């Protein structure tokens, strides 16, 4: 598990002004700590597609937003992702919780299709991503910001484990 406070420190290092998202069980601790943090503005939306639209508007207004959603929501938000941050070439970083990852492991009793569809969808939508498993992988966050800025396109970091 990755401590939420370490992720928040990386977001502050990246000069993030707003975090836009839809809470889920896996990132509950991260959302709770963001809500209590006076330096970052947390904007909760009702649908993941809204998160991309709001983040695009914030970016156009000069802010530095980040989207925080779960993989199921990312699948739901495809057209909003395509029509805003991708087509507008916005260098937005997206933190995505990986619901069902453990069901993809050999011997798992069932496969969560949210997990089995997720990485192929990231690849099909041309969204570069890296997997964050634990504290040792926290360098994936600044790397995603560097990638987004270098390409003027979105990039993602996938949170494989729950935050604490």
N, C-alpha and C. Protein backbone atom coordinates (compact mmCIF):
# COMPACT_ATOMS: atom_id res chain seq x y z
N UNK A 1 0.84 -1.18 0.00
CA UNK A 1 0.00 0.00 0.00
C UNK A 1 0.88 1.25 0.00
N UNK A 2 0.37 2.29 -0.60
CA UNK A 2 1.12 3.53 -0.72
C UNK A 2 0.51 4.58 0.22
N UNK A 3 1.33 5.16 1.09
CA UNK A 3 0.79 6.21 1.97
C UNK A 3 0.32 7.42 1.17
N UNK A 4 -0.90 7.83 1.43
CA UNK A 4 -1.48 8.97 0.71
C UNK A 4 -0.64 10.22 0.89
N UNK A 5 -0.07 10.40 2.08
CA UNK A 5 0.72 11.61 2.34
C UNK A 5 1.92 11.71 1.40
N UNK A 6 2.47 10.58 0.97
CA UNK A 6 3.60 10.61 0.04
C UNK A 6 3.15 10.98 -1.37
N UNK A 7 1.97 10.51 -1.76
CA UNK A 7 1.42 10.89 -3.06
C UNK A 7 1.13 12.39 -3.06
N UNK A 8 0.53 12.88 -1.99
CA UNK A 8 0.22 14.31 -1.89
C UNK A 8 1.49 15.14 -1.94
N UNK A 9 2.55 14.69 -1.31
CA UNK A 9 3.83 15.41 -1.38
C UNK A 9 4.32 15.50 -2.82
N UNK A 10 4.16 14.43 -3.58
CA UNK A 10 4.56 14.45 -5.00
C UNK A 10 3.69 15.42 -5.80
N UNK A 11 2.41 15.48 -5.49
CA UNK A 11 1.52 16.42 -6.19
C UNK A 11 1.91 17.86 -5.89
N UNK A 12 2.27 18.12 -4.66
CA UNK A 12 2.71 19.47 -4.29
C UNK A 12 4.04 19.80 -4.98
N UNK A 13 4.95 18.83 -5.05
CA UNK A 13 6.22 19.06 -5.76
C UNK A 13 5.97 19.39 -7.23
N UNK A 14 4.90 18.84 -7.78
CA UNK A 14 4.55 19.09 -9.18
C UNK A 14 3.73 20.37 -9.35
N UNK A 15 3.52 21.09 -8.27
CA UNK A 15 2.79 22.36 -8.28
C UNK A 15 1.32 22.20 -8.70
N UNK A 16 0.71 21.07 -8.34
CA UNK A 16 -0.71 20.86 -8.62
C UNK A 16 -1.53 21.85 -7.80
N UNK A 17 -2.54 22.44 -8.42
CA UNK A 17 -3.41 23.39 -7.73
C UNK A 17 -4.76 22.77 -7.37
N UNK A 18 -5.24 21.83 -8.19
CA UNK A 18 -6.56 21.23 -8.01
C UNK A 18 -6.48 19.73 -8.29
N UNK A 19 -7.22 18.98 -7.51
CA UNK A 19 -7.42 17.56 -7.78
C UNK A 19 -8.91 17.38 -8.03
N UNK A 20 -9.23 16.81 -9.20
CA UNK A 20 -10.62 16.64 -9.61
C UNK A 20 -10.89 15.15 -9.70
N UNK A 21 -11.96 14.69 -9.06
CA UNK A 21 -12.21 13.26 -9.14
C UNK A 21 -13.48 12.78 -8.49
N UNK A 22 -13.60 11.44 -8.52
CA UNK A 22 -14.73 10.73 -7.93
C UNK A 22 -14.13 9.73 -6.94
N UNK A 23 -14.46 9.85 -5.65
CA UNK A 23 -13.89 8.94 -4.66
C UNK A 23 -14.30 7.48 -4.89
N UNK A 24 -13.41 6.59 -4.50
CA UNK A 24 -13.68 5.16 -4.54
C UNK A 24 -13.01 4.52 -3.33
N UNK A 25 -13.29 3.27 -3.08
CA UNK A 25 -12.75 2.60 -1.90
C UNK A 25 -11.23 2.54 -1.91
N UNK A 26 -10.62 2.28 -3.04
CA UNK A 26 -9.17 2.13 -3.11
C UNK A 26 -8.40 3.40 -2.83
N UNK A 27 -8.99 4.53 -3.16
CA UNK A 27 -8.29 5.81 -2.94
C UNK A 27 -8.95 6.63 -1.83
N UNK A 28 -9.75 5.97 -1.01
CA UNK A 28 -10.47 6.66 0.06
C UNK A 28 -9.53 7.47 0.94
N UNK A 29 -8.43 6.87 1.38
CA UNK A 29 -7.49 7.58 2.26
C UNK A 29 -6.89 8.79 1.56
N UNK A 30 -6.61 8.66 0.29
CA UNK A 30 -6.06 9.78 -0.46
C UNK A 30 -7.07 10.93 -0.55
N UNK A 31 -8.31 10.61 -0.85
CA UNK A 31 -9.35 11.65 -0.90
C UNK A 31 -9.54 12.31 0.46
N UNK A 32 -9.54 11.52 1.52
CA UNK A 32 -9.72 12.09 2.87
C UNK A 32 -8.60 13.07 3.21
N UNK A 33 -7.36 12.70 2.88
CA UNK A 33 -6.24 13.58 3.19
C UNK A 33 -6.22 14.80 2.27
N UNK A 34 -6.64 14.64 1.04
CA UNK A 34 -6.75 15.80 0.15
C UNK A 34 -7.79 16.78 0.65
N UNK A 35 -8.89 16.26 1.13
CA UNK A 35 -9.96 17.11 1.66
C UNK A 35 -9.47 17.95 2.84
N UNK A 36 -8.59 17.39 3.63
CA UNK A 36 -8.08 18.09 4.81
C UNK A 36 -6.88 18.99 4.50
N UNK A 37 -6.34 18.92 3.30
CA UNK A 37 -5.14 19.68 2.96
C UNK A 37 -5.51 21.07 2.46
N UNK A 38 -5.05 22.11 3.13
CA UNK A 38 -5.41 23.47 2.72
C UNK A 38 -4.68 23.98 1.48
N UNK A 39 -3.64 23.26 1.04
CA UNK A 39 -2.85 23.73 -0.10
C UNK A 39 -3.38 23.26 -1.44
N UNK A 40 -4.17 22.21 -1.45
CA UNK A 40 -4.71 21.67 -2.70
C UNK A 40 -6.22 21.77 -2.66
N UNK A 41 -6.79 22.23 -3.75
CA UNK A 41 -8.25 22.31 -3.83
C UNK A 41 -8.80 21.01 -4.42
N UNK A 42 -9.66 20.35 -3.68
CA UNK A 42 -10.28 19.12 -4.12
C UNK A 42 -11.65 19.44 -4.69
N UNK A 43 -11.88 19.01 -5.92
CA UNK A 43 -13.17 19.20 -6.58
C UNK A 43 -13.76 17.82 -6.84
N UNK A 44 -14.86 17.52 -6.18
CA UNK A 44 -15.54 16.24 -6.38
C UNK A 44 -16.61 16.41 -7.44
N UNK A 45 -16.65 15.48 -8.37
CA UNK A 45 -17.65 15.51 -9.44
C UNK A 45 -18.48 14.22 -9.36
N UNK A 46 -19.59 14.20 -10.05
CA UNK A 46 -20.48 13.04 -9.95
C UNK A 46 -20.16 11.95 -10.97
N UNK A 47 -19.48 12.31 -12.06
CA UNK A 47 -19.12 11.33 -13.10
C UNK A 47 -17.69 11.61 -13.54
N UNK A 48 -17.00 10.57 -13.94
CA UNK A 48 -15.61 10.71 -14.33
C UNK A 48 -15.43 11.57 -15.58
N UNK A 49 -16.40 11.51 -16.49
CA UNK A 49 -16.34 12.37 -17.66
C UNK A 49 -16.31 13.83 -17.28
N UNK A 50 -17.04 14.17 -16.23
CA UNK A 50 -17.01 15.54 -15.71
C UNK A 50 -15.62 15.91 -15.23
N UNK A 51 -14.92 14.97 -14.65
CA UNK A 51 -13.58 15.25 -14.12
C UNK A 51 -12.67 15.75 -15.24
N UNK A 52 -12.73 15.12 -16.41
CA UNK A 52 -11.89 15.57 -17.51
C UNK A 52 -12.31 16.94 -18.03
N UNK A 53 -13.61 17.18 -18.11
CA UNK A 53 -14.10 18.48 -18.56
C UNK A 53 -13.71 19.59 -17.59
N UNK A 54 -13.88 19.34 -16.30
CA UNK A 54 -13.52 20.34 -15.29
C UNK A 54 -12.01 20.58 -15.30
N UNK A 55 -11.23 19.52 -15.38
CA UNK A 55 -9.78 19.67 -15.41
C UNK A 55 -9.33 20.45 -16.65
N UNK A 56 -9.96 20.19 -17.77
CA UNK A 56 -9.61 20.93 -19.00
C UNK A 56 -9.91 22.41 -18.81
N UNK A 57 -11.06 22.73 -18.24
CA UNK A 57 -11.40 24.12 -17.99
C UNK A 57 -10.45 24.79 -17.03
N UNK A 58 -10.07 24.08 -15.98
CA UNK A 58 -9.10 24.63 -15.02
C UNK A 58 -7.77 24.91 -15.70
N UNK A 59 -7.32 23.98 -16.53
CA UNK A 59 -6.05 24.15 -17.24
C UNK A 59 -6.11 25.35 -18.17
N UNK A 60 -7.22 25.49 -18.90
CA UNK A 60 -7.38 26.64 -19.79
C UNK A 60 -7.36 27.95 -19.02
N UNK A 61 -7.83 27.91 -17.77
CA UNK A 61 -7.85 29.09 -16.92
C UNK A 61 -6.54 29.36 -16.20
N UNK A 62 -5.53 28.54 -16.46
CA UNK A 62 -4.22 28.78 -15.87
C UNK A 62 -3.89 27.95 -14.64
N UNK A 63 -4.77 27.08 -14.22
CA UNK A 63 -4.51 26.21 -13.07
C UNK A 63 -3.69 25.00 -13.51
N UNK A 64 -3.28 24.22 -12.55
CA UNK A 64 -2.52 22.99 -12.82
C UNK A 64 -3.25 21.82 -12.14
N UNK A 65 -4.28 21.27 -12.82
CA UNK A 65 -5.11 20.22 -12.22
C UNK A 65 -4.53 18.82 -12.42
N UNK A 66 -5.09 17.89 -11.65
CA UNK A 66 -4.83 16.47 -11.78
C UNK A 66 -6.18 15.78 -11.65
N UNK A 67 -6.39 14.70 -12.38
CA UNK A 67 -7.62 13.91 -12.27
C UNK A 67 -7.30 12.65 -11.47
N UNK A 68 -8.18 12.32 -10.53
CA UNK A 68 -8.04 11.13 -9.68
C UNK A 68 -9.33 10.32 -9.78
N UNK A 69 -9.24 9.14 -10.44
CA UNK A 69 -10.42 8.31 -10.65
C UNK A 69 -10.03 6.83 -10.58
N UNK A 70 -11.01 5.96 -10.65
CA UNK A 70 -10.78 4.52 -10.69
C UNK A 70 -10.87 4.05 -12.15
N UNK A 71 -10.31 2.88 -12.43
CA UNK A 71 -10.31 2.37 -13.80
C UNK A 71 -11.72 2.19 -14.37
N UNK A 72 -12.68 1.81 -13.56
CA UNK A 72 -14.05 1.67 -14.06
C UNK A 72 -14.56 3.03 -14.55
N UNK A 73 -14.24 4.07 -13.82
CA UNK A 73 -14.64 5.41 -14.21
C UNK A 73 -13.90 5.89 -15.45
N UNK A 74 -12.64 5.49 -15.58
CA UNK A 74 -11.89 5.85 -16.78
C UNK A 74 -12.55 5.23 -18.01
N UNK A 75 -12.98 3.98 -17.88
CA UNK A 75 -13.67 3.34 -19.00
C UNK A 75 -14.96 4.09 -19.35
N UNK A 76 -15.66 4.55 -18.33
CA UNK A 76 -16.91 5.31 -18.54
C UNK A 76 -16.64 6.65 -19.20
N UNK A 77 -15.50 7.24 -18.94
CA UNK A 77 -15.20 8.61 -19.35
C UNK A 77 -14.52 8.72 -20.71
N UNK A 78 -14.51 7.67 -21.47
CA UNK A 78 -13.75 7.65 -22.72
C UNK A 78 -14.00 8.83 -23.64
N UNK A 79 -15.24 9.15 -23.92
CA UNK A 79 -15.50 10.23 -24.86
C UNK A 79 -15.09 11.58 -24.30
N UNK A 80 -15.29 11.78 -23.01
CA UNK A 80 -14.87 13.04 -22.39
C UNK A 80 -13.35 13.16 -22.42
N UNK A 81 -12.64 12.06 -22.15
CA UNK A 81 -11.17 12.07 -22.23
C UNK A 81 -10.72 12.42 -23.66
N UNK A 82 -11.31 11.73 -24.63
CA UNK A 82 -10.94 11.96 -26.02
C UNK A 82 -11.25 13.38 -26.47
N UNK A 83 -12.45 13.84 -26.14
CA UNK A 83 -12.91 15.13 -26.64
C UNK A 83 -12.32 16.33 -25.95
N UNK A 84 -11.73 16.12 -24.78
CA UNK A 84 -11.15 17.27 -24.07
C UNK A 84 -9.64 17.13 -24.01
N UNK A 85 -9.12 16.50 -22.99
CA UNK A 85 -7.68 16.54 -22.76
C UNK A 85 -6.86 15.92 -23.88
N UNK A 86 -7.36 14.88 -24.53
CA UNK A 86 -6.58 14.27 -25.61
C UNK A 86 -6.60 15.15 -26.87
N UNK A 87 -7.79 15.48 -27.35
CA UNK A 87 -7.88 16.28 -28.58
C UNK A 87 -7.35 17.70 -28.39
N UNK A 88 -7.44 18.22 -27.17
CA UNK A 88 -6.95 19.57 -26.90
C UNK A 88 -5.46 19.58 -26.55
N UNK A 89 -4.84 18.40 -26.50
CA UNK A 89 -3.41 18.26 -26.17
C UNK A 89 -3.07 18.94 -24.85
N UNK A 90 -3.83 18.60 -23.81
CA UNK A 90 -3.61 19.16 -22.49
C UNK A 90 -2.67 18.23 -21.72
N UNK A 91 -1.58 18.75 -21.18
CA UNK A 91 -0.62 17.91 -20.46
C UNK A 91 -1.10 17.58 -19.04
N UNK A 92 -2.16 16.84 -18.97
CA UNK A 92 -2.81 16.49 -17.71
C UNK A 92 -2.33 15.13 -17.23
N UNK A 93 -2.04 15.03 -15.94
CA UNK A 93 -1.72 13.74 -15.36
C UNK A 93 -2.96 13.20 -14.68
N UNK A 94 -3.19 11.91 -14.87
CA UNK A 94 -4.35 11.22 -14.31
C UNK A 94 -3.83 10.11 -13.38
N UNK A 95 -4.29 10.12 -12.14
CA UNK A 95 -4.03 9.00 -11.23
C UNK A 95 -5.25 8.10 -11.30
N UNK A 96 -5.02 6.83 -11.62
CA UNK A 96 -6.13 5.91 -11.83
C UNK A 96 -5.98 4.68 -10.92
N UNK A 97 -6.97 4.46 -10.09
CA UNK A 97 -6.97 3.26 -9.25
C UNK A 97 -7.28 2.03 -10.09
N UNK A 98 -6.56 0.95 -9.83
CA UNK A 98 -6.65 -0.28 -10.65
C UNK A 98 -7.51 -1.33 -9.94
N UNK A 99 -8.81 -1.13 -9.96
CA UNK A 99 -9.72 -2.12 -9.38
C UNK A 99 -9.59 -3.44 -10.12
N UNK A 100 -9.46 -4.52 -9.37
CA UNK A 100 -9.43 -5.85 -9.97
C UNK A 100 -8.07 -6.36 -10.39
N UNK A 101 -7.01 -5.61 -10.15
CA UNK A 101 -5.69 -6.04 -10.58
C UNK A 101 -5.34 -7.43 -10.08
N UNK A 102 -5.63 -7.70 -8.82
CA UNK A 102 -5.27 -9.00 -8.24
C UNK A 102 -6.03 -10.15 -8.88
N UNK A 103 -7.17 -9.88 -9.50
CA UNK A 103 -7.92 -10.96 -10.16
C UNK A 103 -7.25 -11.40 -11.45
N UNK A 104 -6.27 -10.63 -11.93
CA UNK A 104 -5.55 -11.01 -13.15
C UNK A 104 -4.39 -11.95 -12.87
N UNK A 105 -4.08 -12.15 -11.60
CA UNK A 105 -2.94 -13.00 -11.23
C UNK A 105 -3.29 -14.46 -11.44
N UNK A 106 -2.28 -15.28 -11.78
CA UNK A 106 -2.52 -16.72 -11.96
C UNK A 106 -3.16 -17.34 -10.71
N UNK A 107 -4.16 -18.15 -10.93
CA UNK A 107 -4.84 -18.84 -9.84
C UNK A 107 -5.97 -18.06 -9.20
N UNK A 108 -6.20 -16.84 -9.65
CA UNK A 108 -7.31 -16.07 -9.08
C UNK A 108 -8.62 -16.78 -9.42
N UNK A 109 -9.58 -16.78 -8.50
CA UNK A 109 -10.82 -17.52 -8.73
C UNK A 109 -11.69 -16.94 -9.84
N UNK A 110 -11.56 -15.66 -10.11
CA UNK A 110 -12.32 -15.04 -11.19
C UNK A 110 -11.54 -13.84 -11.69
N UNK A 111 -11.90 -13.35 -12.86
CA UNK A 111 -11.28 -12.15 -13.41
C UNK A 111 -12.30 -11.03 -13.40
N UNK A 112 -11.90 -9.89 -12.86
CA UNK A 112 -12.73 -8.69 -12.88
C UNK A 112 -12.53 -8.05 -14.25
N UNK A 113 -13.58 -7.98 -15.04
CA UNK A 113 -13.43 -7.44 -16.40
C UNK A 113 -13.02 -5.97 -16.41
N UNK A 114 -13.27 -5.25 -15.32
CA UNK A 114 -12.76 -3.87 -15.24
C UNK A 114 -11.24 -3.89 -15.36
N UNK A 115 -10.62 -4.91 -14.79
CA UNK A 115 -9.17 -5.04 -14.87
C UNK A 115 -8.73 -5.56 -16.24
N UNK A 116 -9.40 -6.56 -16.76
CA UNK A 116 -8.95 -7.15 -18.02
C UNK A 116 -9.12 -6.20 -19.21
N UNK A 117 -10.08 -5.29 -19.15
CA UNK A 117 -10.27 -4.32 -20.23
C UNK A 117 -9.38 -3.09 -20.09
N UNK A 118 -8.89 -2.85 -18.87
CA UNK A 118 -8.27 -1.56 -18.55
C UNK A 118 -6.99 -1.27 -19.32
N UNK A 119 -5.96 -2.09 -19.17
CA UNK A 119 -4.69 -1.77 -19.84
C UNK A 119 -4.81 -1.79 -21.37
N UNK A 120 -5.55 -2.73 -21.96
CA UNK A 120 -5.74 -2.64 -23.41
C UNK A 120 -6.41 -1.32 -23.83
N UNK A 121 -7.31 -0.82 -22.99
CA UNK A 121 -7.98 0.45 -23.29
C UNK A 121 -6.99 1.61 -23.20
N UNK A 122 -6.15 1.62 -22.17
CA UNK A 122 -5.12 2.67 -22.07
C UNK A 122 -4.25 2.69 -23.32
N UNK A 123 -3.86 1.51 -23.78
CA UNK A 123 -3.01 1.42 -24.97
C UNK A 123 -3.77 1.86 -26.22
N UNK A 124 -5.02 1.42 -26.36
CA UNK A 124 -5.82 1.79 -27.53
C UNK A 124 -6.06 3.30 -27.59
N UNK A 125 -6.21 3.92 -26.44
CA UNK A 125 -6.46 5.37 -26.39
C UNK A 125 -5.16 6.16 -26.35
N UNK A 126 -4.04 5.48 -26.52
CA UNK A 126 -2.73 6.13 -26.62
C UNK A 126 -2.41 6.99 -25.39
N UNK A 127 -2.74 6.46 -24.21
CA UNK A 127 -2.44 7.15 -22.96
C UNK A 127 -1.25 6.45 -22.31
N UNK A 128 -0.07 7.08 -22.34
CA UNK A 128 1.08 6.45 -21.69
C UNK A 128 0.84 6.34 -20.19
N UNK A 129 1.28 5.24 -19.60
CA UNK A 129 1.02 5.01 -18.19
C UNK A 129 2.14 4.20 -17.56
N UNK A 130 2.20 4.28 -16.25
CA UNK A 130 3.10 3.44 -15.47
C UNK A 130 2.33 2.93 -14.27
N UNK A 131 2.80 1.84 -13.71
CA UNK A 131 2.13 1.22 -12.57
C UNK A 131 2.87 1.58 -11.29
N UNK A 132 2.11 2.02 -10.29
CA UNK A 132 2.65 2.36 -8.99
C UNK A 132 2.17 1.30 -8.00
N UNK A 133 3.11 0.45 -7.57
CA UNK A 133 2.78 -0.64 -6.66
C UNK A 133 3.01 -0.27 -5.20
N UNK A 134 4.08 0.50 -4.93
CA UNK A 134 4.47 0.77 -3.55
C UNK A 134 5.29 2.07 -3.48
N UNK A 135 5.79 2.38 -2.32
CA UNK A 135 6.54 3.62 -2.11
C UNK A 135 7.75 3.73 -3.04
N UNK A 136 8.37 2.62 -3.34
CA UNK A 136 9.56 2.64 -4.20
C UNK A 136 9.23 3.11 -5.62
N UNK A 137 7.97 3.07 -5.99
CA UNK A 137 7.55 3.47 -7.33
C UNK A 137 7.07 4.93 -7.40
N UNK A 138 7.20 5.66 -6.31
CA UNK A 138 6.69 7.04 -6.30
C UNK A 138 7.33 7.93 -7.37
N UNK A 139 8.50 7.55 -7.85
CA UNK A 139 9.13 8.34 -8.92
C UNK A 139 8.32 8.29 -10.22
N UNK A 140 7.34 7.38 -10.29
CA UNK A 140 6.46 7.34 -11.46
C UNK A 140 5.61 8.61 -11.57
N UNK A 141 5.34 9.24 -10.43
CA UNK A 141 4.50 10.45 -10.46
C UNK A 141 5.25 11.61 -11.12
N UNK A 142 6.45 11.99 -10.67
CA UNK A 142 7.15 13.07 -11.38
C UNK A 142 7.48 12.69 -12.83
N UNK A 143 7.71 11.40 -13.08
CA UNK A 143 7.98 10.97 -14.46
C UNK A 143 6.76 11.20 -15.35
N UNK A 144 5.57 10.99 -14.82
CA UNK A 144 4.35 11.23 -15.61
C UNK A 144 4.20 12.72 -15.91
N UNK A 145 4.49 13.56 -14.92
CA UNK A 145 4.42 15.00 -15.17
C UNK A 145 5.43 15.42 -16.23
N UNK A 146 6.63 14.87 -16.17
CA UNK A 146 7.66 15.18 -17.16
C UNK A 146 7.21 14.73 -18.55
N UNK A 147 6.63 13.55 -18.64
CA UNK A 147 6.14 13.02 -19.93
C UNK A 147 5.03 13.91 -20.48
N UNK A 148 4.07 14.28 -19.63
CA UNK A 148 2.96 15.12 -20.08
C UNK A 148 3.47 16.47 -20.56
N UNK A 149 4.39 17.06 -19.84
CA UNK A 149 4.91 18.36 -20.24
C UNK A 149 5.74 18.28 -21.51
N UNK A 150 6.53 17.21 -21.65
CA UNK A 150 7.38 17.06 -22.83
C UNK A 150 6.58 16.84 -24.11
N UNK A 151 5.43 16.17 -23.97
CA UNK A 151 4.63 15.83 -25.15
C UNK A 151 3.41 16.71 -25.34
N UNK A 152 3.08 17.52 -24.32
CA UNK A 152 1.85 18.31 -24.30
C UNK A 152 0.63 17.40 -24.52
N UNK A 153 0.69 16.26 -23.88
CA UNK A 153 -0.39 15.27 -23.94
C UNK A 153 -0.59 14.68 -22.55
N UNK A 154 -1.74 14.07 -22.30
CA UNK A 154 -1.96 13.46 -20.99
C UNK A 154 -1.08 12.24 -20.76
N UNK A 155 -0.87 11.94 -19.49
CA UNK A 155 -0.14 10.75 -19.06
C UNK A 155 -0.81 10.25 -17.78
N UNK A 156 -0.61 8.98 -17.47
CA UNK A 156 -1.28 8.39 -16.31
C UNK A 156 -0.32 7.63 -15.42
N UNK A 157 -0.68 7.60 -14.15
CA UNK A 157 -0.04 6.73 -13.17
C UNK A 157 -1.16 5.89 -12.59
N UNK A 158 -0.98 4.58 -12.64
CA UNK A 158 -2.00 3.66 -12.19
C UNK A 158 -1.64 3.16 -10.78
N UNK A 159 -2.55 3.42 -9.85
CA UNK A 159 -2.37 3.02 -8.45
C UNK A 159 -2.85 1.58 -8.30
N UNK A 160 -1.91 0.65 -8.26
CA UNK A 160 -2.26 -0.78 -8.20
C UNK A 160 -2.77 -1.16 -6.82
N UNK A 161 -2.20 -0.58 -5.79
CA UNK A 161 -2.60 -0.88 -4.42
C UNK A 161 -3.45 0.27 -3.85
N UNK A 162 -4.19 -0.05 -2.82
CA UNK A 162 -4.96 0.98 -2.13
C UNK A 162 -4.02 1.96 -1.46
N UNK A 163 -4.48 3.19 -1.25
CA UNK A 163 -3.70 4.16 -0.50
C UNK A 163 -4.06 4.05 0.97
N UNK A 164 -3.12 4.43 1.81
CA UNK A 164 -3.36 4.39 3.26
C UNK A 164 -3.16 5.76 3.86
